[in-house]
Amino acid sequence: MRKKATFIGIGVIGLLVACMTAWVSLAITYSGPPDDCLRAGLAGLFLLATLAAFFVMPRRGRTLC
């Protein structure tokens, strides 16, 4: 039962992080600097930095703290 609750909790947190990352990327895209290329680049950079924080860096569990 405890493993199931842990698995569900991690899934919910992962879904929340994915939704917040998408929301911020869209916010940068639609209301960022006036240059289209710069907005797209900043949104992509934010997305890649978030992915790196969770998948590349050691101690992934501490990324949320």
N, C-alpha and C. Protein backbone atom coordinates (compact mmCIF):
# COMPACT_ATOMS: atom_id res chain seq x y z
N MET A 1 0.82 -1.19 0.00
CA MET A 1 0.00 0.00 0.00
C MET A 1 0.87 1.27 0.00
N ARG A 2 1.96 1.22 0.76
CA ARG A 2 2.81 2.39 0.84
C ARG A 2 3.53 2.66 -0.49
N LYS A 3 3.96 1.60 -1.17
CA LYS A 3 4.61 1.78 -2.47
C LYS A 3 3.65 2.38 -3.48
N LYS A 4 2.41 1.96 -3.41
CA LYS A 4 1.40 2.48 -4.33
C LYS A 4 1.17 3.97 -4.08
N ALA A 5 1.09 4.37 -2.81
CA ALA A 5 0.89 5.78 -2.47
C ALA A 5 2.09 6.61 -2.89
N THR A 6 3.29 6.08 -2.72
CA THR A 6 4.50 6.78 -3.15
C THR A 6 4.52 6.97 -4.65
N PHE A 7 4.16 5.92 -5.39
CA PHE A 7 4.12 5.98 -6.84
C PHE A 7 3.10 7.01 -7.31
N ILE A 8 1.94 7.04 -6.70
CA ILE A 8 0.91 8.00 -7.07
C ILE A 8 1.37 9.42 -6.73
N GLY A 9 1.97 9.60 -5.57
CA GLY A 9 2.47 10.91 -5.17
C GLY A 9 3.52 11.45 -6.12
N ILE A 10 4.45 10.61 -6.52
CA ILE A 10 5.49 11.02 -7.47
C ILE A 10 4.87 11.37 -8.82
N GLY A 11 3.87 10.60 -9.23
CA GLY A 11 3.19 10.89 -10.48
C GLY A 11 2.46 12.23 -10.46
N VAL A 12 1.81 12.53 -9.34
CA VAL A 12 1.09 13.80 -9.21
C VAL A 12 2.07 14.97 -9.21
N ILE A 13 3.16 14.83 -8.48
CA ILE A 13 4.17 15.90 -8.45
C ILE A 13 4.78 16.09 -9.84
N GLY A 14 5.07 15.00 -10.53
CA GLY A 14 5.61 15.10 -11.89
C GLY A 14 4.65 15.79 -12.83
N LEU A 15 3.36 15.48 -12.72
CA LEU A 15 2.35 16.13 -13.56
C LEU A 15 2.26 17.62 -13.25
N LEU A 16 2.32 17.98 -11.97
CA LEU A 16 2.28 19.40 -11.60
C LEU A 16 3.49 20.16 -12.14
N VAL A 17 4.67 19.56 -12.03
CA VAL A 17 5.88 20.21 -12.54
C VAL A 17 5.80 20.38 -14.06
N ALA A 18 5.31 19.36 -14.75
CA ALA A 18 5.17 19.44 -16.21
C ALA A 18 4.18 20.54 -16.60
N CYS A 19 3.06 20.63 -15.90
CA CYS A 19 2.06 21.67 -16.20
C CYS A 19 2.60 23.06 -15.92
N MET A 20 3.31 23.23 -14.80
CA MET A 20 3.87 24.55 -14.49
C MET A 20 4.96 24.94 -15.49
N THR A 21 5.75 23.98 -15.92
CA THR A 21 6.80 24.27 -16.90
C THR A 21 6.18 24.70 -18.23
N ALA A 22 5.14 23.98 -18.65
CA ALA A 22 4.45 24.35 -19.89
C ALA A 22 3.82 25.73 -19.77
N TRP A 23 3.22 26.03 -18.62
CA TRP A 23 2.57 27.32 -18.42
C TRP A 23 3.59 28.46 -18.50
N VAL A 24 4.73 28.30 -17.84
CA VAL A 24 5.75 29.35 -17.86
C VAL A 24 6.33 29.50 -19.27
N SER A 25 6.54 28.40 -19.96
CA SER A 25 7.06 28.49 -21.34
C SER A 25 6.09 29.24 -22.24
N LEU A 26 4.81 28.97 -22.09
CA LEU A 26 3.81 29.69 -22.88
C LEU A 26 3.73 31.16 -22.47
N ALA A 27 3.87 31.44 -21.18
CA ALA A 27 3.87 32.83 -20.71
C ALA A 27 5.04 33.59 -21.30
N ILE A 28 6.20 32.98 -21.36
CA ILE A 28 7.37 33.63 -21.97
C ILE A 28 7.12 33.84 -23.45
N THR A 29 6.53 32.86 -24.11
CA THR A 29 6.29 32.96 -25.54
C THR A 29 5.31 34.08 -25.89
N TYR A 30 4.25 34.22 -25.12
CA TYR A 30 3.22 35.18 -25.46
C TYR A 30 3.39 36.56 -24.85
N SER A 31 4.17 36.70 -23.79
CA SER A 31 4.28 38.02 -23.18
C SER A 31 5.72 38.38 -22.83
N GLY A 32 6.64 37.84 -23.55
CA GLY A 32 8.05 38.12 -23.29
C GLY A 32 8.53 39.33 -24.08
N PRO A 33 9.79 39.35 -24.43
CA PRO A 33 10.37 40.46 -25.20
C PRO A 33 9.68 40.61 -26.55
N PRO A 34 9.78 41.78 -27.17
CA PRO A 34 9.07 42.01 -28.43
C PRO A 34 9.58 41.20 -29.63
N ASP A 35 10.80 40.72 -29.59
CA ASP A 35 11.36 39.95 -30.71
C ASP A 35 10.90 38.50 -30.64
N ASP A 36 10.33 38.00 -31.74
CA ASP A 36 9.79 36.63 -31.78
C ASP A 36 10.86 35.57 -31.56
N CYS A 37 11.99 35.75 -32.20
CA CYS A 37 13.07 34.76 -32.05
C CYS A 37 13.59 34.71 -30.62
N LEU A 38 13.71 35.86 -29.99
CA LEU A 38 14.19 35.91 -28.62
C LEU A 38 13.20 35.24 -27.67
N ARG A 39 11.90 35.48 -27.88
CA ARG A 39 10.88 34.85 -27.03
C ARG A 39 10.94 33.33 -27.16
N ALA A 40 11.02 32.85 -28.39
CA ALA A 40 11.08 31.40 -28.61
C ALA A 40 12.34 30.81 -28.00
N GLY A 41 13.45 31.52 -28.14
CA GLY A 41 14.70 31.04 -27.56
C GLY A 41 14.67 30.98 -26.05
N LEU A 42 14.10 32.02 -25.42
CA LEU A 42 14.00 32.03 -23.96
C LEU A 42 13.07 30.94 -23.46
N ALA A 43 11.96 30.74 -24.15
CA ALA A 43 11.03 29.68 -23.74
C ALA A 43 11.69 28.31 -23.87
N GLY A 44 12.40 28.09 -24.96
CA GLY A 44 13.10 26.82 -25.15
C GLY A 44 14.21 26.63 -24.14
N LEU A 45 14.93 27.70 -23.82
CA LEU A 45 15.99 27.63 -22.82
C LEU A 45 15.43 27.29 -21.44
N PHE A 46 14.29 27.88 -21.08
CA PHE A 46 13.67 27.57 -19.80
C PHE A 46 13.25 26.11 -19.76
N LEU A 47 12.68 25.62 -20.84
CA LEU A 47 12.25 24.22 -20.91
C LEU A 47 13.44 23.28 -20.77
N LEU A 48 14.52 23.56 -21.49
CA LEU A 48 15.71 22.72 -21.40
C LEU A 48 16.36 22.78 -20.02
N ALA A 49 16.36 23.95 -19.40
CA ALA A 49 16.94 24.08 -18.05
C ALA A 49 16.13 23.28 -17.04
N THR A 50 14.81 23.29 -17.18
CA THR A 50 13.96 22.52 -16.28
C THR A 50 14.19 21.02 -16.47
N LEU A 51 14.26 20.58 -17.71
CA LEU A 51 14.54 19.17 -17.98
C LEU A 51 15.90 18.77 -17.42
N ALA A 52 16.89 19.63 -17.59
CA ALA A 52 18.23 19.32 -17.07
C ALA A 52 18.21 19.22 -15.56
N ALA A 53 17.43 20.08 -14.91
CA ALA A 53 17.37 20.06 -13.45
C ALA A 53 16.82 18.74 -12.93
N PHE A 54 15.93 18.12 -13.68
CA PHE A 54 15.32 16.89 -13.20
C PHE A 54 15.96 15.61 -13.74
N PHE A 55 16.59 15.67 -14.90
CA PHE A 55 17.10 14.44 -15.50
C PHE A 55 18.62 14.34 -15.59
N VAL A 56 19.32 15.44 -15.59
CA VAL A 56 20.77 15.41 -15.78
C VAL A 56 21.52 15.58 -14.47
N MET A 57 21.05 16.47 -13.63
CA MET A 57 21.76 16.77 -12.39
C MET A 57 21.65 15.61 -11.40
N PRO A 58 22.70 15.40 -10.62
CA PRO A 58 22.61 14.37 -9.58
C PRO A 58 21.65 14.81 -8.48
N ARG A 59 21.18 13.85 -7.72
CA ARG A 59 20.25 14.10 -6.60
C ARG A 59 18.97 14.77 -7.09
N ARG A 60 18.29 14.11 -8.01
CA ARG A 60 17.08 14.67 -8.62
C ARG A 60 15.99 14.96 -7.60
N GLY A 61 15.94 14.20 -6.53
CA GLY A 61 14.91 14.40 -5.53
C GLY A 61 15.01 15.75 -4.83
N ARG A 62 16.21 16.30 -4.77
CA ARG A 62 16.40 17.59 -4.10
C ARG A 62 16.10 18.76 -5.01
N THR A 63 15.80 18.51 -6.28
CA THR A 63 15.51 19.60 -7.20
C THR A 63 14.26 20.35 -6.79
N LEU A 64 13.30 19.68 -6.20
CA LEU A 64 12.07 20.33 -5.79
C LEU A 64 12.22 21.17 -4.53
N CYS A 65 13.26 20.95 -3.77
CA CYS A 65 13.42 21.67 -2.49
C CYS A 65 13.90 23.08 -2.71
